[in-house]
Amino acid sequence: MKEDPMKNRELKPGYNLQVASNNQYVIDYDIFSNPRDTRTLLPFLSVISTLDLFKYIVADAGYGSEENYESIIDDYEKIPLIPYGMYNAEQKKKYKRDPKRRDNWSYDEIEDAYTDLDGVRFSFTHYSTRVDEHGYTRQFKVYTADKEQMDDGLNALAKTPKENQRQTSVNNNWEYFKHQAKAHLESDYGRRIYAQRKIDVETVFGRMKGVFGMRRVHVRGNQAVHNDIGLMLMSMNLTKLILELRRKGGHTSTSSEKRQKNNEDHLKPTVFIVLFVY
């Protein structure tokens, strides 16, 4: 946020700061007026000049979306280690036992039909296309509960409270990318790399606030704020580099330097991206 010089709690302009880091060094950054995580990832990736050096793009669940996965895999040809919104919930027993979740239904691939846990059968009826406010197009297969179920009880369960036939929509493209993301996250390398995300990038923000004391920007306007934050991040990189060079040169480490060394990430190059909003 823009610092309020009068300290009267007036609402000031806010900026969404995005940072990419590796081994706690800031590789690139940018600011956005959009507060939504999912809408900032692709514009941010487009400004990272060194993106070709990295194989993995790691971020928290706020960045997991169909459009982001599709672009990272198909356009950038990178591996996303990014959970989607329901990833953690899907691991819990409550989710796996929820009769309303289509993931728990049985699917007949030959007849292209679903059967829910109550025994209500849903057959494919038509396709549907939806375009979001940003112009991204999604394709859905719509399944409608059969009007003639196995018995009268199921016929009743096949209807909504307004006496319409129940429907469920499947976005196969989204399901495909979720499967890809889950497979990467649950692999040995995925678990190892993703576990370092908080250590790597959140340490950058922790040093920014706690060590360098930057909790508010001092100017307003995109370019001025971009420059203000850039000078701070450059100072942080140089400070970290100097400390590492001193250690390599045989300088006796202080206790704070030892703590910093213990937090260093020695993984292969990985871009870590998180949202940090003041």
C-alpha atoms as a PDB file:
ATOM      1  CA  MET A   1       0.000   0.000   0.000  1.00  0.00           C
ATOM      2  CA  LYS A   2       0.987   3.615  -0.377  1.00  0.00           C
ATOM      3  CA  GLU A   3       2.221   4.931   2.953  1.00  0.00           C
ATOM      4  CA  ASP A   4      -0.228   7.341   4.612  1.00  0.00           C
ATOM      5  CA  PRO A   5       1.917  10.311   5.773  1.00  0.00           C
ATOM      6  CA  MET A   6      -0.869  11.662   7.990  1.00  0.00           C
ATOM      7  CA  LYS A   7      -1.387   8.288   9.704  1.00  0.00           C
ATOM      8  CA  ASN A   8      -5.150   8.824   9.604  1.00  0.00           C
ATOM      9  CA  ARG A   9      -5.966   5.372   8.199  1.00  0.00           C
ATOM     10  CA  GLU A  10      -7.183   6.701   4.880  1.00  0.00           C
ATOM     11  CA  LEU A  11      -7.389   4.147   2.075  1.00  0.00           C
ATOM     12  CA  LYS A  12      -4.373   4.498  -0.202  1.00  0.00           C
ATOM     13  CA  PRO A  13      -3.509   2.931  -3.587  1.00  0.00           C
ATOM     14  CA  GLY A  14      -2.581  -0.745  -3.397  1.00  0.00           C
ATOM     15  CA  TYR A  15      -0.209  -2.702  -5.640  1.00  0.00           C
ATOM     16  CA  ASN A  16      -0.044  -6.446  -6.143  1.00  0.00           C
ATOM     17  CA  LEU A  17       3.639  -7.371  -6.033  1.00  0.00           C
ATOM     18  CA  GLN A  18       4.725 -10.557  -7.810  1.00  0.00           C
ATOM     19  CA  VAL A  19       8.206 -11.978  -7.272  1.00  0.00           C
ATOM     20  CA  ALA A  20      10.104 -14.854  -8.907  1.00  0.00           C
ATOM     21  CA  SER A  21      13.026 -16.175  -6.889  1.00  0.00           C
ATOM     22  CA  ASN A  22      15.635 -18.902  -6.945  1.00  0.00           C
ATOM     23  CA  ASN A  23      17.750 -19.786  -3.923  1.00  0.00           C
ATOM     24  CA  GLN A  24      16.239 -16.705  -2.242  1.00  0.00           C
ATOM     25  CA  TYR A  25      17.577 -14.391  -4.948  1.00  0.00           C
ATOM     26  CA  VAL A  26      14.942 -12.267  -6.669  1.00  0.00           C
ATOM     27  CA  ILE A  27      15.124 -13.021 -10.379  1.00  0.00           C
ATOM     28  CA  ASP A  28      12.323 -10.747 -11.526  1.00  0.00           C
ATOM     29  CA  TYR A  29       9.333  -8.856 -10.205  1.00  0.00           C
ATOM     30  CA  ASP A  30       6.383  -6.786 -11.335  1.00  0.00           C
ATOM     31  CA  ILE A  31       3.368  -5.004  -9.881  1.00  0.00           C
ATOM     32  CA  PHE A  32      -0.270  -5.327 -10.920  1.00  0.00           C
ATOM     33  CA  SER A  33      -3.532  -3.596 -10.143  1.00  0.00           C
ATOM     34  CA  ASN A  34      -5.414  -6.913 -10.327  1.00  0.00           C
ATOM     35  CA  PRO A  35      -5.708  -8.532  -6.874  1.00  0.00           C
ATOM     36  CA  ARG A  36      -6.581 -12.012  -8.185  1.00  0.00           C
ATOM     37  CA  ASP A  37      -3.745 -14.527  -8.118  1.00  0.00           C
ATOM     38  CA  THR A  38      -4.828 -16.448 -11.188  1.00  0.00           C
ATOM     39  CA  ARG A  39      -4.970 -13.358 -13.411  1.00  0.00           C
ATOM     40  CA  THR A  40      -1.434 -12.168 -12.630  1.00  0.00           C
ATOM     41  CA  LEU A  41       0.581 -15.325 -13.318  1.00  0.00           C
ATOM     42  CA  LEU A  42       0.671 -15.311 -17.120  1.00  0.00           C
ATOM     43  CA  PRO A  43       1.337 -11.559 -17.478  1.00  0.00           C
ATOM     44  CA  PHE A  44       4.131 -11.957 -14.937  1.00  0.00           C
ATOM     45  CA  LEU A  45       5.701 -14.936 -16.690  1.00  0.00           C
ATOM     46  CA  SER A  46       5.744 -12.934 -19.920  1.00  0.00           C
ATOM     47  CA  VAL A  47       8.143 -10.358 -18.409  1.00  0.00           C
ATOM     48  CA  ILE A  48      10.641 -12.834 -16.910  1.00  0.00           C
ATOM     49  CA  SER A  49      13.576 -12.663 -19.326  1.00  0.00           C
ATOM     50  CA  THR A  50      15.385 -15.685 -17.823  1.00  0.00           C
ATOM     51  CA  LEU A  51      12.400 -18.053 -17.855  1.00  0.00           C
ATOM     52  CA  ASP A  52      14.083 -20.328 -20.415  1.00  0.00           C
ATOM     53  CA  LEU A  53      16.684 -21.260 -17.784  1.00  0.00           C
ATOM     54  CA  PHE A  54      14.109 -22.993 -15.615  1.00  0.00           C
ATOM     55  CA  LYS A  55      12.291 -26.296 -15.922  1.00  0.00           C
ATOM     56  CA  TYR A  56       9.765 -25.951 -13.098  1.00  0.00           C
ATOM     57  CA  ILE A  57       7.375 -23.158 -12.189  1.00  0.00           C
ATOM     58  CA  VAL A  58       6.317 -23.405  -8.558  1.00  0.00           C
ATOM     59  CA  ALA A  59       3.510 -21.440  -6.953  1.00  0.00           C
ATOM     60  CA  ASP A  60       0.767 -21.848  -4.360  1.00  0.00           C
ATOM     61  CA  ALA A  61      -2.817 -22.913  -5.009  1.00  0.00           C
ATOM     62  CA  GLY A  62      -3.973 -19.375  -5.731  1.00  0.00           C
ATOM     63  CA  TYR A  63      -2.363 -19.657  -9.171  1.00  0.00           C
ATOM     64  CA  GLY A  64      -3.849 -22.990 -10.224  1.00  0.00           C
ATOM     65  CA  SER A  65      -6.282 -22.555 -13.115  1.00  0.00           C
ATOM     66  CA  GLU A  66      -7.062 -24.212 -16.429  1.00  0.00           C
ATOM     67  CA  GLU A  67      -5.739 -21.270 -18.431  1.00  0.00           C
ATOM     68  CA  ASN A  68      -2.500 -21.091 -16.413  1.00  0.00           C
ATOM     69  CA  TYR A  69      -1.806 -24.820 -16.647  1.00  0.00           C
ATOM     70  CA  GLU A  70      -2.531 -24.837 -20.372  1.00  0.00           C
ATOM     71  CA  SER A  71      -0.165 -21.941 -21.062  1.00  0.00           C
ATOM     72  CA  ILE A  72       2.667 -23.236 -18.846  1.00  0.00           C
ATOM     73  CA  ILE A  73       2.561 -26.727 -20.365  1.00  0.00           C
ATOM     74  CA  ASP A  74       1.685 -25.975 -23.990  1.00  0.00           C
ATOM     75  CA  ASP A  75       3.147 -22.510 -24.582  1.00  0.00           C
ATOM     76  CA  TYR A  76       6.106 -22.322 -22.198  1.00  0.00           C
ATOM     77  CA  GLU A  77       6.776 -26.084 -22.171  1.00  0.00           C
ATOM     78  CA  LYS A  78       7.485 -26.030 -18.437  1.00  0.00           C
ATOM     79  CA  ILE A  79       6.378 -28.268 -15.579  1.00  0.00           C
ATOM     80  CA  PRO A  80       3.907 -26.564 -13.212  1.00  0.00           C
ATOM     81  CA  LEU A  81       4.202 -27.500  -9.560  1.00  0.00           C
ATOM     82  CA  ILE A  82       1.056 -25.591  -8.679  1.00  0.00           C
ATOM     83  CA  PRO A  83      -1.878 -27.076  -6.735  1.00  0.00           C
ATOM     84  CA  TYR A  84      -5.394 -26.243  -7.907  1.00  0.00           C
ATOM     85  CA  GLY A  85      -7.971 -24.888  -5.503  1.00  0.00           C
ATOM     86  CA  MET A  86      -9.490 -28.217  -4.449  1.00  0.00           C
ATOM     87  CA  TYR A  87      -6.240 -30.195  -4.437  1.00  0.00           C
ATOM     88  CA  ASN A  88      -5.842 -30.422  -0.661  1.00  0.00           C
ATOM     89  CA  ALA A  89      -9.568 -31.020  -0.085  1.00  0.00           C
ATOM     90  CA  GLU A  90      -9.515 -33.947  -2.509  1.00  0.00           C
ATOM     91  CA  GLN A  91      -7.013 -35.764  -0.310  1.00  0.00           C
ATOM     92  CA  LYS A  92      -9.396 -35.888   2.650  1.00  0.00           C
ATOM     93  CA  LYS A  93     -11.777 -38.733   3.471  1.00  0.00           C
ATOM     94  CA  LYS A  94     -14.725 -36.347   3.695  1.00  0.00           C
ATOM     95  CA  TYR A  95     -14.307 -35.406   0.042  1.00  0.00           C
ATOM     96  CA  LYS A  96     -13.839 -38.999  -1.083  1.00  0.00           C
ATOM     97  CA  ARG A  97     -17.081 -39.996   0.633  1.00  0.00           C
ATOM     98  CA  ASP A  98     -19.127 -37.024  -0.531  1.00  0.00           C
ATOM     99  CA  PRO A  99     -21.971 -38.339  -2.738  1.00  0.00           C
ATOM    100  CA  LYS A 100     -22.301 -34.959  -4.482  1.00  0.00           C
ATOM    101  CA  ARG A 101     -18.741 -35.096  -5.884  1.00  0.00           C
ATOM    102  CA  ARG A 102     -18.689 -36.480  -9.417  1.00  0.00           C
ATOM    103  CA  ASP A 103     -15.168 -37.799  -8.805  1.00  0.00           C
ATOM    104  CA  ASN A 104     -16.782 -40.426  -6.574  1.00  0.00           C
ATOM    105  CA  TRP A 105     -19.327 -41.547  -9.188  1.00  0.00           C
ATOM    106  CA  SER A 106     -18.849 -44.486 -11.517  1.00  0.00           C
ATOM    107  CA  TYR A 107     -18.345 -43.825 -15.231  1.00  0.00           C
ATOM    108  CA  ASP A 108     -19.325 -46.065 -18.142  1.00  0.00           C
ATOM    109  CA  GLU A 109     -16.831 -45.226 -20.868  1.00  0.00           C
ATOM    110  CA  ILE A 110     -18.632 -47.253 -23.548  1.00  0.00           C
ATOM    111  CA  GLU A 111     -22.030 -45.610 -23.025  1.00  0.00           C
ATOM    112  CA  ASP A 112     -20.542 -42.296 -21.898  1.00  0.00           C
ATOM    113  CA  ALA A 113     -22.663 -42.119 -18.757  1.00  0.00           C
ATOM    114  CA  TYR A 114     -22.181 -41.453 -15.044  1.00  0.00           C
ATOM    115  CA  THR A 115     -23.950 -43.102 -12.121  1.00  0.00           C
ATOM    116  CA  ASP A 116     -23.965 -41.299  -8.785  1.00  0.00           C
ATOM    117  CA  LEU A 117     -23.696 -43.000  -5.406  1.00  0.00           C
ATOM    118  CA  ASP A 118     -27.500 -43.188  -5.108  1.00  0.00           C
ATOM    119  CA  GLY A 119     -27.744 -45.046  -8.405  1.00  0.00           C
ATOM    120  CA  VAL A 120     -29.033 -42.139 -10.539  1.00  0.00           C
ATOM    121  CA  ARG A 121     -27.748 -42.439 -14.110  1.00  0.00           C
ATOM    122  CA  PHE A 122     -26.602 -39.380 -16.081  1.00  0.00           C
ATOM    123  CA  SER A 123     -26.241 -39.706 -19.866  1.00  0.00           C
ATOM    124  CA  PHE A 124     -24.397 -37.335 -22.183  1.00  0.00           C
ATOM    125  CA  THR A 125     -26.848 -34.963 -23.874  1.00  0.00           C
ATOM    126  CA  HIS A 126     -24.991 -32.007 -25.377  1.00  0.00           C
ATOM    127  CA  TYR A 127     -21.917 -29.760 -25.449  1.00  0.00           C
ATOM    128  CA  SER A 128     -21.722 -26.315 -23.909  1.00  0.00           C
ATOM    129  CA  THR A 129     -19.275 -23.459 -24.474  1.00  0.00           C
ATOM    130  CA  ARG A 130     -18.593 -20.760 -21.901  1.00  0.00           C
ATOM    131  CA  VAL A 131     -16.451 -17.663 -22.342  1.00  0.00           C
ATOM    132  CA  ASP A 132     -15.327 -15.882 -19.170  1.00  0.00           C
ATOM    133  CA  GLU A 133     -15.026 -12.117 -18.705  1.00  0.00           C
ATOM    134  CA  HIS A 134     -11.405 -12.221 -19.874  1.00  0.00           C
ATOM    135  CA  GLY A 135     -12.191 -14.050 -23.120  1.00  0.00           C
ATOM    136  CA  TYR A 136     -10.968 -17.517 -22.144  1.00  0.00           C
ATOM    137  CA  THR A 137     -13.133 -20.238 -23.697  1.00  0.00           C
ATOM    138  CA  ARG A 138     -14.064 -23.439 -21.881  1.00  0.00           C
ATOM    139  CA  GLN A 139     -15.756 -26.472 -23.402  1.00  0.00           C
ATOM    140  CA  PHE A 140     -18.123 -28.650 -21.367  1.00  0.00           C
ATOM    141  CA  LYS A 141     -19.880 -31.960 -21.868  1.00  0.00           C
ATOM    142  CA  VAL A 142     -23.290 -31.845 -20.221  1.00  0.00           C
ATOM    143  CA  TYR A 143     -24.784 -35.003 -18.708  1.00  0.00           C
ATOM    144  CA  THR A 144     -28.479 -35.059 -17.814  1.00  0.00           C
ATOM    145  CA  ALA A 145     -30.192 -37.494 -15.468  1.00  0.00           C
ATOM    146  CA  ASP A 146     -32.236 -40.037 -17.444  1.00  0.00           C
ATOM    147  CA  LYS A 147     -35.970 -39.461 -17.238  1.00  0.00           C
ATOM    148  CA  GLU A 148     -36.490 -43.196 -16.871  1.00  0.00           C
ATOM    149  CA  GLN A 149     -34.388 -44.547 -14.025  1.00  0.00           C
ATOM    150  CA  MET A 150     -34.428 -48.068 -12.582  1.00  0.00           C
ATOM    151  CA  ASP A 151     -37.323 -47.331 -10.198  1.00  0.00           C
ATOM    152  CA  ASP A 152     -39.627 -44.562  -8.974  1.00  0.00           C
ATOM    153  CA  GLY A 153     -37.326 -43.712  -6.100  1.00  0.00           C
ATOM    154  CA  LEU A 154     -34.453 -42.989  -8.481  1.00  0.00           C
ATOM    155  CA  ASN A 155     -36.806 -41.065 -10.772  1.00  0.00           C
ATOM    156  CA  ALA A 156     -37.494 -38.748  -7.841  1.00  0.00           C
ATOM    157  CA  LEU A 157     -33.794 -38.420  -6.997  1.00  0.00           C
ATOM    158  CA  ALA A 158     -33.072 -37.554 -10.638  1.00  0.00           C
ATOM    159  CA  LYS A 159     -35.015 -34.292 -10.327  1.00  0.00           C
ATOM    160  CA  THR A 160     -34.131 -30.931  -8.827  1.00  0.00           C
ATOM    161  CA  PRO A 161     -36.374 -29.240  -6.231  1.00  0.00           C
ATOM    162  CA  LYS A 162     -37.984 -27.413  -9.194  1.00  0.00           C
ATOM    163  CA  GLU A 163     -38.786 -30.754 -10.866  1.00  0.00           C
ATOM    164  CA  ASN A 164     -36.170 -30.371 -13.613  1.00  0.00           C
ATOM    165  CA  GLN A 165     -33.785 -33.185 -14.525  1.00  0.00           C
ATOM    166  CA  ARG A 166     -30.467 -32.849 -12.721  1.00  0.00           C
ATOM    167  CA  GLN A 167     -27.373 -32.085 -14.771  1.00  0.00           C
ATOM    168  CA  THR A 168     -23.607 -32.242 -14.332  1.00  0.00           C
ATOM    169  CA  SER A 169     -21.022 -30.619 -16.595  1.00  0.00           C
ATOM    170  CA  VAL A 170     -17.555 -32.000 -17.310  1.00  0.00           C
ATOM    171  CA  ASN A 171     -14.667 -29.892 -18.580  1.00  0.00           C
ATOM    172  CA  ASN A 172     -12.331 -32.571 -19.938  1.00  0.00           C
ATOM    173  CA  ASN A 173      -9.578 -30.065 -20.683  1.00  0.00           C
ATOM    174  CA  TRP A 174      -9.579 -28.901 -17.060  1.00  0.00           C
ATOM    175  CA  GLU A 175      -9.709 -32.492 -15.803  1.00  0.00           C
ATOM    176  CA  TYR A 176      -6.703 -33.344 -17.973  1.00  0.00           C
ATOM    177  CA  PHE A 177      -4.586 -30.485 -16.632  1.00  0.00           C
ATOM    178  CA  LYS A 178      -5.629 -31.198 -13.042  1.00  0.00           C
ATOM    179  CA  HIS A 179      -4.478 -34.789 -13.535  1.00  0.00           C
ATOM    180  CA  GLN A 180      -1.141 -33.535 -14.884  1.00  0.00           C
ATOM    181  CA  ALA A 181      -0.674 -31.121 -11.983  1.00  0.00           C
ATOM    182  CA  LYS A 182      -1.541 -33.794  -9.419  1.00  0.00           C
ATOM    183  CA  ALA A 183       0.871 -36.301 -10.958  1.00  0.00           C
ATOM    184  CA  HIS A 184       3.750 -33.802 -10.844  1.00  0.00           C
ATOM    185  CA  LEU A 185       2.977 -32.664  -7.279  1.00  0.00           C
ATOM    186  CA  GLU A 186       2.807 -36.239  -5.970  1.00  0.00           C
ATOM    187  CA  SER A 187       6.004 -37.389  -7.664  1.00  0.00           C
ATOM    188  CA  ASP A 188       9.228 -37.657  -5.664  1.00  0.00           C
ATOM    189  CA  TYR A 189      10.786 -34.640  -7.375  1.00  0.00           C
ATOM    190  CA  GLY A 190       7.540 -32.673  -7.106  1.00  0.00           C
ATOM    191  CA  ARG A 191       7.233 -33.210  -3.363  1.00  0.00           C
ATOM    192  CA  ARG A 192      10.882 -32.304  -2.823  1.00  0.00           C
ATOM    193  CA  ILE A 193      10.792 -29.118  -4.884  1.00  0.00           C
ATOM    194  CA  TYR A 194       7.383 -27.888  -3.728  1.00  0.00           C
ATOM    195  CA  ALA A 195       8.436 -28.310  -0.084  1.00  0.00           C
ATOM    196  CA  GLN A 196      11.069 -25.614  -0.690  1.00  0.00           C
ATOM    197  CA  ARG A 197       8.580 -23.009  -1.935  1.00  0.00           C
ATOM    198  CA  LYS A 198       7.917 -21.392   1.432  1.00  0.00           C
ATOM    199  CA  ILE A 199      11.596 -21.497   2.383  1.00  0.00           C
ATOM    200  CA  ASP A 200      12.621 -19.841  -0.851  1.00  0.00           C
ATOM    201  CA  VAL A 201      10.192 -17.132  -1.798  1.00  0.00           C
ATOM    202  CA  GLU A 202       8.515 -16.344   1.510  1.00  0.00           C
ATOM    203  CA  THR A 203      11.933 -15.749   3.020  1.00  0.00           C
ATOM    204  CA  VAL A 204      12.349 -12.968   0.466  1.00  0.00           C
ATOM    205  CA  PHE A 205       9.224 -11.223   1.725  1.00  0.00           C
ATOM    206  CA  GLY A 206      10.174 -11.901   5.334  1.00  0.00           C
ATOM    207  CA  ARG A 207      13.537 -10.167   4.851  1.00  0.00           C
ATOM    208  CA  MET A 208      11.855  -7.355   2.970  1.00  0.00           C
ATOM    209  CA  LYS A 209       9.555  -6.586   5.891  1.00  0.00           C
ATOM    210  CA  GLY A 210      11.489  -7.747   8.925  1.00  0.00           C
ATOM    211  CA  VAL A 211      15.108  -6.932   8.034  1.00  0.00           C
ATOM    212  CA  PHE A 212      14.837  -4.104   5.510  1.00  0.00           C
ATOM    213  CA  GLY A 213      11.716  -2.622   7.091  1.00  0.00           C
ATOM    214  CA  MET A 214       9.722  -2.130   3.893  1.00  0.00           C
ATOM    215  CA  ARG A 215       6.062  -2.539   4.770  1.00  0.00           C
ATOM    216  CA  ARG A 216       4.712   0.264   2.599  1.00  0.00           C
ATOM    217  CA  VAL A 217       5.857   1.956  -0.590  1.00  0.00           C
ATOM    218  CA  HIS A 218       6.842   5.612  -0.374  1.00  0.00           C
ATOM    219  CA  VAL A 219       5.498   6.830  -3.713  1.00  0.00           C
ATOM    220  CA  ARG A 220       2.440   6.352  -5.900  1.00  0.00           C
ATOM    221  CA  GLY A 221       1.919   5.523  -9.553  1.00  0.00           C
ATOM    222  CA  ASN A 222       2.916   2.256 -11.256  1.00  0.00           C
ATOM    223  CA  GLN A 223       6.313   3.307 -12.565  1.00  0.00           C
ATOM    224  CA  ALA A 224       7.363   5.085  -9.370  1.00  0.00           C
ATOM    225  CA  VAL A 225       6.264   2.138  -7.210  1.00  0.00           C
ATOM    226  CA  HIS A 226       7.976  -0.304  -9.593  1.00  0.00           C
ATOM    227  CA  ASN A 227      11.252   1.624  -9.217  1.00  0.00           C
ATOM    228  CA  ASP A 228      10.875   1.936  -5.443  1.00  0.00           C
ATOM    229  CA  ILE A 229      10.380  -1.802  -4.961  1.00  0.00           C
ATOM    230  CA  GLY A 230      13.075  -2.627  -7.513  1.00  0.00           C
ATOM    231  CA  LEU A 231      15.718  -0.683  -5.588  1.00  0.00           C
ATOM    232  CA  MET A 232      14.761  -2.552  -2.424  1.00  0.00           C
ATOM    233  CA  LEU A 233      14.914  -5.984  -4.086  1.00  0.00           C
ATOM    234  CA  MET A 234      18.256  -5.141  -5.716  1.00  0.00           C
ATOM    235  CA  SER A 235      19.637  -4.142  -2.310  1.00  0.00           C
ATOM    236  CA  MET A 236      18.440  -7.412  -0.832  1.00  0.00           C
ATOM    237  CA  ASN A 237      20.107  -9.426  -3.605  1.00  0.00           C
ATOM    238  CA  LEU A 238      23.401  -7.565  -3.209  1.00  0.00           C
ATOM    239  CA  THR A 239      23.358  -7.967   0.563  1.00  0.00           C
ATOM    240  CA  LYS A 240      22.778 -11.699   0.248  1.00  0.00           C
ATOM    241  CA  LEU A 241      25.514 -12.002  -2.383  1.00  0.00           C
ATOM    242  CA  ILE A 242      28.052 -10.135  -0.229  1.00  0.00           C
ATOM    243  CA  LEU A 243      27.329 -12.357   2.773  1.00  0.00           C
ATOM    244  CA  GLU A 244      27.829 -15.472   0.661  1.00  0.00           C
ATOM    245  CA  LEU A 245      31.077 -14.177  -0.833  1.00  0.00           C
ATOM    246  CA  ARG A 246      32.392 -13.369   2.646  1.00  0.00           C
ATOM    247  CA  ARG A 247      31.624 -16.897   3.797  1.00  0.00           C
ATOM    248  CA  LYS A 248      33.334 -18.424   0.781  1.00  0.00           C
ATOM    249  CA  GLY A 249      36.323 -16.208   1.428  1.00  0.00           C
ATOM    250  CA  GLY A 250      36.854 -17.683   4.872  1.00  0.00           C
ATOM    251  CA  HIS A 251      35.157 -14.949   6.874  1.00  0.00           C
ATOM    252  CA  THR A 252      33.915 -16.164  10.266  1.00  0.00           C
ATOM    253  CA  SER A 253      30.154 -16.351  10.076  1.00  0.00           C
ATOM    254  CA  THR A 254      28.001 -14.531  12.562  1.00  0.00           C
ATOM    255  CA  SER A 255      25.024 -16.289  14.098  1.00  0.00           C
ATOM    256  CA  SER A 256      22.628 -14.482  11.722  1.00  0.00           C
ATOM    257  CA  GLU A 257      24.722 -15.508   8.718  1.00  0.00           C
ATOM    258  CA  LYS A 258      24.724 -19.118   9.904  1.00  0.00           C
ATOM    259  CA  ARG A 259      20.944 -19.057  10.154  1.00  0.00           C
ATOM    260  CA  GLN A 260      20.724 -17.646   6.663  1.00  0.00           C
ATOM    261  CA  LYS A 261      23.056 -20.338   5.324  1.00  0.00           C
ATOM    262  CA  ASN A 262      20.930 -23.069   6.876  1.00  0.00           C
ATOM    263  CA  ASN A 263      17.903 -21.722   4.994  1.00  0.00           C
ATOM    264  CA  GLU A 264      19.553 -21.748   1.587  1.00  0.00           C
ATOM    265  CA  ASP A 265      17.977 -23.913  -1.075  1.00  0.00           C
ATOM    266  CA  HIS A 266      20.437 -25.969  -3.114  1.00  0.00           C
ATOM    267  CA  LEU A 267      17.910 -27.321  -5.614  1.00  0.00           C
ATOM    268  CA  LYS A 268      18.367 -27.108  -9.364  1.00  0.00           C
ATOM    269  CA  PRO A 269      17.050 -23.852 -10.860  1.00  0.00           C
ATOM    270  CA  THR A 270      13.364 -23.427 -10.134  1.00  0.00           C
ATOM    271  CA  VAL A 271      11.184 -20.340 -10.423  1.00  0.00           C
ATOM    272  CA  PHE A 272       9.164 -19.692  -7.294  1.00  0.00           C
ATOM    273  CA  ILE A 273       6.213 -17.335  -7.585  1.00  0.00           C
ATOM    274  CA  VAL A 274       3.889 -16.156  -4.817  1.00  0.00           C
ATOM    275  CA  LEU A 275       1.454 -13.372  -4.302  1.00  0.00           C
ATOM    276  CA  PHE A 276       2.313 -10.731  -1.749  1.00  0.00           C
ATOM    277  CA  VAL A 277      -0.188  -7.919  -1.238  1.00  0.00           C
ATOM    278  CA  TYR A 278       0.087  -5.051   1.262  1.00  0.00           C
END
